[in-house]
């Protein structure tokens, strides 16, 4: 079993007030299932959307990306042994 943390990008959309809202969400997780669970938790919590209302795209919906491809700069030091997120 590998405990390596990977970076995932999820491309999905949800429908609210008859409008289709697309989004891209990046997170760190061990497995794809954990990344999808994080998307459901975060988007559902922020936008009050049910899990059944979040639709992940079939092609390119969830993909593993490298640190260079990530748009979030907090992932830059993820391979360092003393990795901590600095909140300023």
Protein backbone atom coordinates (compact mmCIF):
# COMPACT_ATOMS: atom_id res chain seq x y z
CA UNK A 1 0.00 0.00 0.00
CA UNK A 2 1.43 3.35 -1.04
CA UNK A 3 1.04 6.36 1.22
CA UNK A 4 2.18 8.78 -1.46
CA UNK A 5 0.09 11.92 -1.64
CA UNK A 6 -0.94 12.88 -5.17
CA UNK A 7 -2.54 16.00 -6.62
CA UNK A 8 -5.84 15.62 -8.46
CA UNK A 9 -7.80 18.06 -10.63
CA UNK A 10 -11.54 17.54 -10.95
CA UNK A 11 -13.57 19.13 -13.76
CA UNK A 12 -17.28 19.08 -13.01
CA UNK A 13 -20.47 21.12 -12.89
CA UNK A 14 -23.62 21.51 -10.85
CA UNK A 15 -27.02 23.00 -11.60
CA UNK A 16 -28.43 25.64 -9.29
CA UNK A 17 -31.38 27.94 -10.02
CA UNK A 18 -31.59 26.48 -13.54
CA UNK A 19 -28.01 27.56 -14.30
CA UNK A 20 -25.13 25.23 -15.10
CA UNK A 21 -22.08 26.21 -13.06
CA UNK A 22 -18.81 24.61 -14.16
CA UNK A 23 -15.77 24.44 -11.90
CA UNK A 24 -12.32 22.96 -11.59
CA UNK A 25 -11.17 21.78 -8.16
CA UNK A 26 -7.64 20.76 -7.16
CA UNK A 27 -6.86 18.79 -4.03
CA UNK A 28 -4.30 16.46 -2.49
CA UNK A 29 -5.38 12.87 -1.82
CA UNK A 30 -4.08 9.31 -1.68
CA UNK A 31 -6.63 7.86 -4.13
CA UNK A 32 -9.10 9.08 -6.75
CA UNK A 33 -11.98 8.09 -4.47
CA UNK A 34 -10.64 10.36 -1.71
CA UNK A 35 -10.35 13.25 -4.18
CA UNK A 36 -13.94 12.76 -5.34
CA UNK A 37 -15.13 12.65 -1.73
CA UNK A 38 -13.31 15.93 -1.09
CA UNK A 39 -15.05 17.54 -4.08
CA UNK A 40 -18.46 16.43 -2.82
CA UNK A 41 -17.70 17.74 0.68
CA UNK A 42 -16.25 21.10 -0.33
CA UNK A 43 -18.67 22.03 -3.12
CA UNK A 44 -21.68 20.74 -1.21
CA UNK A 45 -20.68 22.71 1.84
CA UNK A 46 -19.83 25.96 0.06
CA UNK A 47 -22.73 26.06 -2.39
CA UNK A 48 -25.38 23.96 -0.60
CA UNK A 49 -25.50 21.44 -3.43
CA UNK A 50 -26.42 17.78 -2.92
CA UNK A 51 -24.06 15.04 -4.08
CA UNK A 52 -26.58 13.91 -6.66
CA UNK A 53 -26.50 17.41 -8.21
CA UNK A 54 -22.72 17.41 -8.81
CA UNK A 55 -21.79 15.93 -12.18
CA UNK A 56 -18.17 14.95 -12.94
CA UNK A 57 -17.25 14.92 -16.62
CA UNK A 58 -16.71 11.47 -18.15
CA UNK A 59 -13.57 12.38 -20.09
CA UNK A 60 -10.94 14.23 -18.10
CA UNK A 61 -13.21 14.50 -15.07
CA UNK A 62 -10.66 13.49 -12.46
CA UNK A 63 -7.01 13.38 -13.40
CA UNK A 64 -3.74 13.17 -11.53
CA UNK A 65 -1.54 16.19 -12.20
CA UNK A 66 2.01 17.19 -11.38
CA UNK A 67 3.06 20.02 -9.10
CA UNK A 68 3.99 22.14 -12.13
CA UNK A 69 0.48 21.77 -13.59
CA UNK A 70 -1.24 22.72 -10.31
CA UNK A 71 -2.54 26.27 -10.13
CA UNK A 72 -2.48 26.29 -6.32
CA UNK A 73 0.93 27.34 -5.03
CA UNK A 74 0.42 25.59 -1.69
CA UNK A 75 1.24 22.31 -3.43
CA UNK A 76 4.79 23.38 -4.32
CA UNK A 77 6.47 21.82 -1.28
CA UNK A 78 4.32 18.70 -1.05
CA UNK A 79 7.31 16.33 -1.46
CA UNK A 80 9.33 17.95 1.32
CA UNK A 81 9.46 15.97 4.61
CA UNK A 82 8.59 19.04 6.68
CA UNK A 83 5.64 20.11 4.53
CA UNK A 84 3.26 22.52 6.28
CA UNK A 85 0.67 24.89 4.90
CA UNK A 86 1.53 28.42 5.95
CA UNK A 87 -1.45 30.60 6.78
CA UNK A 88 -0.64 34.28 6.77
